[in-house]
Amino acid sequence: MPTSRIAESDDDKTDETQAYFLLGPGPDSELTWLLHRAAQRLHTAVGAEAERHGLTLRDHILLSALDKTHGLTQIELGRALGMDKTTLVAELDRLEKVGLIERHADPRDRRARSPALTADGDRLRAAIAGKAAHAEQLAVQSVDPALLGHLRDALYSIINTTEDPGSCI
């Protein structure tokens, strides 16, 4: 199978057959390129749902992370998200200012701060999460559910084995 094809012109199409062609690299491409494009597709779909509720995709990811990982310090949260400290603190400051999160002294180290969802933040997160889950399902509907489970496991293995300080969101 060729890795790149050019779409036919309208003159080349017949009524019986309308071929759809992929533009760009195919499934034998570099994993980095494929992951990047898949992430773009999901970012677009889920980001649109967050924007409908007045948030950014990054806001939604932060709120979701706080829902799934209770009691992390800001530093631990930044590591889990692959976000640098400066960006994370600015995001948390903004979310706290609009009443979606609050920060408390960490019981393990009172100098550290642990962010947590407020009731309003959790309501908004849940509203977006339902729509985002639907958007994700639409984006991956062509993938066999068993393969999707393996993909999740593989991606988690990739991200769980590094201390990469770079920002992914």
C-alpha atoms as a PDB file:
ATOM      1  CA  MET A   1       0.000   0.000   0.000  1.00  0.00           C
ATOM      2  CA  PRO A   2       1.495   3.398  -0.932  1.00  0.00           C
ATOM      3  CA  THR A   3       2.091   5.762   1.920  1.00  0.00           C
ATOM      4  CA  SER A   4       0.930   8.843   0.039  1.00  0.00           C
ATOM      5  CA  ARG A   5      -1.715   9.382  -2.617  1.00  0.00           C
ATOM      6  CA  ILE A   6      -3.107  12.398  -4.388  1.00  0.00           C
ATOM      7  CA  ALA A   7      -6.878  12.820  -4.693  1.00  0.00           C
ATOM      8  CA  GLU A   8      -8.431  12.306  -8.109  1.00  0.00           C
ATOM      9  CA  SER A   9      -9.849  15.278  -9.958  1.00  0.00           C
ATOM     10  CA  ASP A  10     -13.607  15.480 -10.527  1.00  0.00           C
ATOM     11  CA  ASP A  11     -12.989  14.571 -14.194  1.00  0.00           C
ATOM     12  CA  ASP A  12     -11.506  11.202 -13.126  1.00  0.00           C
ATOM     13  CA  LYS A  13     -14.481  10.164 -10.960  1.00  0.00           C
ATOM     14  CA  THR A  14     -17.268   7.927 -12.126  1.00  0.00           C
ATOM     15  CA  ASP A  15     -20.807   7.692 -10.757  1.00  0.00           C
ATOM     16  CA  GLU A  16     -20.264   4.084  -9.620  1.00  0.00           C
ATOM     17  CA  THR A  17     -16.958   4.616  -7.871  1.00  0.00           C
ATOM     18  CA  GLN A  18     -15.840   7.545  -5.805  1.00  0.00           C
ATOM     19  CA  ALA A  19     -12.502   6.803  -4.256  1.00  0.00           C
ATOM     20  CA  TYR A  20     -11.363   8.572  -1.154  1.00  0.00           C
ATOM     21  CA  PHE A  21      -7.659   9.081  -0.868  1.00  0.00           C
ATOM     22  CA  LEU A  22      -5.526   9.751   2.135  1.00  0.00           C
ATOM     23  CA  LEU A  23      -3.266  12.729   1.866  1.00  0.00           C
ATOM     24  CA  GLY A  24       0.035  12.363   3.619  1.00  0.00           C
ATOM     25  CA  PRO A  25       1.829   9.436   5.213  1.00  0.00           C
ATOM     26  CA  GLY A  26       0.058   6.146   5.863  1.00  0.00           C
ATOM     27  CA  PRO A  27       0.008   3.591   8.692  1.00  0.00           C
ATOM     28  CA  ASP A  28       3.660   2.680   8.120  1.00  0.00           C
ATOM     29  CA  SER A  29       4.731   6.209   9.139  1.00  0.00           C
ATOM     30  CA  GLU A  30       6.807   7.157  12.135  1.00  0.00           C
ATOM     31  CA  LEU A  31       5.028   6.518  15.417  1.00  0.00           C
ATOM     32  CA  THR A  32       5.671  10.116  16.478  1.00  0.00           C
ATOM     33  CA  TRP A  33       3.826  11.472  13.449  1.00  0.00           C
ATOM     34  CA  LEU A  34       0.889   9.097  13.931  1.00  0.00           C
ATOM     35  CA  LEU A  35       0.611   9.906  17.655  1.00  0.00           C
ATOM     36  CA  HIS A  36       0.820  13.620  16.923  1.00  0.00           C
ATOM     37  CA  ARG A  37      -1.952  13.492  14.319  1.00  0.00           C
ATOM     38  CA  ALA A  38      -4.163  11.287  16.510  1.00  0.00           C
ATOM     39  CA  ALA A  39      -3.635  13.700  19.410  1.00  0.00           C
ATOM     40  CA  GLN A  40      -4.554  16.626  17.166  1.00  0.00           C
ATOM     41  CA  ARG A  41      -7.786  14.885  16.172  1.00  0.00           C
ATOM     42  CA  LEU A  42      -8.762  14.235  19.791  1.00  0.00           C
ATOM     43  CA  HIS A  43      -7.630  17.681  20.941  1.00  0.00           C
ATOM     44  CA  THR A  44      -9.879  19.260  18.327  1.00  0.00           C
ATOM     45  CA  ALA A  45     -12.899  17.159  19.278  1.00  0.00           C
ATOM     46  CA  VAL A  46     -12.539  17.417  23.046  1.00  0.00           C
ATOM     47  CA  GLY A  47     -11.295  21.010  22.940  1.00  0.00           C
ATOM     48  CA  ALA A  48     -14.485  22.044  21.158  1.00  0.00           C
ATOM     49  CA  GLU A  49     -16.556  20.560  24.002  1.00  0.00           C
ATOM     50  CA  ALA A  50     -14.501  22.416  26.617  1.00  0.00           C
ATOM     51  CA  GLU A  51     -14.867  25.675  24.674  1.00  0.00           C
ATOM     52  CA  ARG A  52     -18.655  25.275  24.600  1.00  0.00           C
ATOM     53  CA  HIS A  53     -18.469  25.544  28.392  1.00  0.00           C
ATOM     54  CA  GLY A  54     -16.084  28.509  28.405  1.00  0.00           C
ATOM     55  CA  LEU A  55     -12.911  26.522  29.119  1.00  0.00           C
ATOM     56  CA  THR A  56      -9.845  25.514  27.169  1.00  0.00           C
ATOM     57  CA  LEU A  57      -8.763  21.949  26.534  1.00  0.00           C
ATOM     58  CA  ARG A  58      -5.958  22.487  29.050  1.00  0.00           C
ATOM     59  CA  ASP A  59      -8.521  23.589  31.670  1.00  0.00           C
ATOM     60  CA  HIS A  60     -10.542  20.430  31.044  1.00  0.00           C
ATOM     61  CA  ILE A  61      -7.466  18.205  31.284  1.00  0.00           C
ATOM     62  CA  LEU A  62      -6.452  19.851  34.571  1.00  0.00           C
ATOM     63  CA  LEU A  63      -9.939  19.481  36.044  1.00  0.00           C
ATOM     64  CA  SER A  64     -10.066  15.853  34.893  1.00  0.00           C
ATOM     65  CA  ALA A  65      -6.659  15.140  36.418  1.00  0.00           C
ATOM     66  CA  LEU A  66      -7.809  16.609  39.735  1.00  0.00           C
ATOM     67  CA  ASP A  67     -10.888  14.395  39.595  1.00  0.00           C
ATOM     68  CA  LYS A  68      -8.841  11.244  38.987  1.00  0.00           C
ATOM     69  CA  THR A  69      -5.837  11.978  41.240  1.00  0.00           C
ATOM     70  CA  HIS A  70      -6.825  13.308  44.645  1.00  0.00           C
ATOM     71  CA  GLY A  71      -4.246  14.706  47.031  1.00  0.00           C
ATOM     72  CA  LEU A  72      -1.397  15.425  44.624  1.00  0.00           C
ATOM     73  CA  THR A  73       0.752  18.447  45.300  1.00  0.00           C
ATOM     74  CA  GLN A  74       1.120  21.002  42.523  1.00  0.00           C
ATOM     75  CA  ILE A  75       4.570  19.584  41.730  1.00  0.00           C
ATOM     76  CA  GLU A  76       3.208  16.023  41.535  1.00  0.00           C
ATOM     77  CA  LEU A  77       0.302  17.191  39.370  1.00  0.00           C
ATOM     78  CA  GLY A  78       2.704  18.976  37.027  1.00  0.00           C
ATOM     79  CA  ARG A  79       4.775  15.812  36.650  1.00  0.00           C
ATOM     80  CA  ALA A  80       1.671  13.696  35.994  1.00  0.00           C
ATOM     81  CA  LEU A  81       0.529  16.109  33.269  1.00  0.00           C
ATOM     82  CA  GLY A  82       3.947  16.809  31.793  1.00  0.00           C
ATOM     83  CA  MET A  83       3.480  20.514  32.554  1.00  0.00           C
ATOM     84  CA  ASP A  84       6.213  22.859  33.682  1.00  0.00           C
ATOM     85  CA  LYS A  85       5.784  24.557  37.062  1.00  0.00           C
ATOM     86  CA  THR A  86       5.313  28.082  35.719  1.00  0.00           C
ATOM     87  CA  THR A  87       2.562  27.108  33.291  1.00  0.00           C
ATOM     88  CA  LEU A  88       0.803  24.926  35.852  1.00  0.00           C
ATOM     89  CA  VAL A  89       0.786  27.609  38.553  1.00  0.00           C
ATOM     90  CA  ALA A  90      -0.592  30.196  36.114  1.00  0.00           C
ATOM     91  CA  GLU A  91      -3.363  27.781  35.075  1.00  0.00           C
ATOM     92  CA  LEU A  92      -4.202  26.878  38.670  1.00  0.00           C
ATOM     93  CA  ASP A  93      -4.239  30.573  39.672  1.00  0.00           C
ATOM     94  CA  ARG A  94      -6.757  31.280  36.903  1.00  0.00           C
ATOM     95  CA  LEU A  95      -8.966  28.279  37.745  1.00  0.00           C
ATOM     96  CA  GLU A  96      -8.892  29.234  41.427  1.00  0.00           C
ATOM     97  CA  LYS A  97      -9.815  32.830  40.625  1.00  0.00           C
ATOM     98  CA  VAL A  98     -12.991  31.696  38.814  1.00  0.00           C
ATOM     99  CA  GLY A  99     -13.908  29.305  41.638  1.00  0.00           C
ATOM    100  CA  LEU A 100     -13.292  25.968  39.921  1.00  0.00           C
ATOM    101  CA  ILE A 101     -10.469  24.807  42.190  1.00  0.00           C
ATOM    102  CA  GLU A 102      -9.111  25.572  45.618  1.00  0.00           C
ATOM    103  CA  ARG A 103      -5.697  24.920  47.121  1.00  0.00           C
ATOM    104  CA  HIS A 104      -4.896  23.637  50.574  1.00  0.00           C
ATOM    105  CA  ALA A 105      -1.739  22.961  52.510  1.00  0.00           C
ATOM    106  CA  ASP A 106      -0.586  19.415  51.807  1.00  0.00           C
ATOM    107  CA  PRO A 107      -0.864  17.225  54.931  1.00  0.00           C
ATOM    108  CA  ARG A 108       2.527  15.639  54.127  1.00  0.00           C
ATOM    109  CA  ASP A 109       4.310  18.995  53.812  1.00  0.00           C
ATOM    110  CA  ARG A 110       2.502  22.163  54.840  1.00  0.00           C
ATOM    111  CA  ARG A 111       4.777  24.239  52.557  1.00  0.00           C
ATOM    112  CA  ALA A 112       3.357  22.396  49.527  1.00  0.00           C
ATOM    113  CA  ARG A 113      -0.054  23.177  48.047  1.00  0.00           C
ATOM    114  CA  SER A 114      -2.572  20.555  46.903  1.00  0.00           C
ATOM    115  CA  PRO A 115      -5.197  21.711  44.401  1.00  0.00           C
ATOM    116  CA  ALA A 116      -8.702  20.243  44.535  1.00  0.00           C
ATOM    117  CA  LEU A 117     -11.933  20.698  42.612  1.00  0.00           C
ATOM    118  CA  THR A 118     -14.657  22.859  44.103  1.00  0.00           C
ATOM    119  CA  ALA A 119     -18.284  21.746  43.775  1.00  0.00           C
ATOM    120  CA  ASP A 120     -18.680  24.177  40.836  1.00  0.00           C
ATOM    121  CA  GLY A 121     -15.486  22.872  39.251  1.00  0.00           C
ATOM    122  CA  ASP A 122     -16.654  19.293  39.566  1.00  0.00           C
ATOM    123  CA  ARG A 123     -20.067  20.088  38.055  1.00  0.00           C
ATOM    124  CA  LEU A 124     -18.451  21.821  35.092  1.00  0.00           C
ATOM    125  CA  ARG A 125     -15.883  19.018  34.689  1.00  0.00           C
ATOM    126  CA  ALA A 126     -18.659  16.408  34.685  1.00  0.00           C
ATOM    127  CA  ALA A 127     -20.685  18.330  32.098  1.00  0.00           C
ATOM    128  CA  ILE A 128     -17.705  18.544  29.772  1.00  0.00           C
ATOM    129  CA  ALA A 129     -16.583  14.964  30.484  1.00  0.00           C
ATOM    130  CA  GLY A 130     -19.844  13.480  29.228  1.00  0.00           C
ATOM    131  CA  LYS A 131     -19.694  15.395  25.970  1.00  0.00           C
ATOM    132  CA  ALA A 132     -15.937  14.807  25.648  1.00  0.00           C
ATOM    133  CA  ALA A 133     -16.406  11.051  26.077  1.00  0.00           C
ATOM    134  CA  HIS A 134     -18.942  11.119  23.235  1.00  0.00           C
ATOM    135  CA  ALA A 135     -16.537  13.135  21.052  1.00  0.00           C
ATOM    136  CA  GLU A 136     -13.752  10.637  21.804  1.00  0.00           C
ATOM    137  CA  GLN A 137     -16.041   7.719  20.931  1.00  0.00           C
ATOM    138  CA  LEU A 138     -16.846   9.303  17.586  1.00  0.00           C
ATOM    139  CA  ALA A 139     -13.152   9.904  16.897  1.00  0.00           C
ATOM    140  CA  VAL A 140     -12.202   6.276  17.595  1.00  0.00           C
ATOM    141  CA  GLN A 141     -15.331   4.550  16.287  1.00  0.00           C
ATOM    142  CA  SER A 142     -13.398   2.892  13.453  1.00  0.00           C
ATOM    143  CA  VAL A 143     -11.015   1.201  15.923  1.00  0.00           C
ATOM    144  CA  ASP A 144     -11.811  -2.302  17.185  1.00  0.00           C
ATOM    145  CA  PRO A 145     -12.597  -2.004  20.941  1.00  0.00           C
ATOM    146  CA  ALA A 146     -10.039  -4.722  21.788  1.00  0.00           C
ATOM    147  CA  LEU A 147      -7.363  -2.816  19.882  1.00  0.00           C
ATOM    148  CA  LEU A 148      -8.392   0.395  21.610  1.00  0.00           C
ATOM    149  CA  GLY A 149      -7.825  -1.255  24.991  1.00  0.00           C
ATOM    150  CA  HIS A 150      -4.363  -2.357  23.868  1.00  0.00           C
ATOM    151  CA  LEU A 151      -3.669   1.145  22.568  1.00  0.00           C
ATOM    152  CA  ARG A 152      -4.574   2.665  25.936  1.00  0.00           C
ATOM    153  CA  ASP A 153      -2.305   0.184  27.710  1.00  0.00           C
ATOM    154  CA  ALA A 154       0.548   0.851  25.293  1.00  0.00           C
ATOM    155  CA  LEU A 155       0.217   4.636  25.569  1.00  0.00           C
ATOM    156  CA  TYR A 156       0.112   4.425  29.361  1.00  0.00           C
ATOM    157  CA  SER A 157       3.261   2.289  29.289  1.00  0.00           C
ATOM    158  CA  ILE A 158       5.002   4.926  27.181  1.00  0.00           C
ATOM    159  CA  ILE A 159       4.069   7.850  29.433  1.00  0.00           C
ATOM    160  CA  ASN A 160       4.524   5.957  32.694  1.00  0.00           C
ATOM    161  CA  THR A 161       8.198   5.200  32.074  1.00  0.00           C
ATOM    162  CA  THR A 162       9.555   8.718  31.847  1.00  0.00           C
ATOM    163  CA  GLU A 163      10.190  11.800  33.908  1.00  0.00           C
ATOM    164  CA  ASP A 164       9.776  14.023  30.851  1.00  0.00           C
ATOM    165  CA  PRO A 165       9.436  17.597  32.111  1.00  0.00           C
ATOM    166  CA  GLY A 166       8.062  18.918  28.813  1.00  0.00           C
ATOM    167  CA  SER A 167       4.592  20.316  28.436  1.00  0.00           C
ATOM    168  CA  CYS A 168       2.145  18.170  26.507  1.00  0.00           C
ATOM    169  CA  ILE A 169      -0.873  20.417  27.008  1.00  0.00           C
END
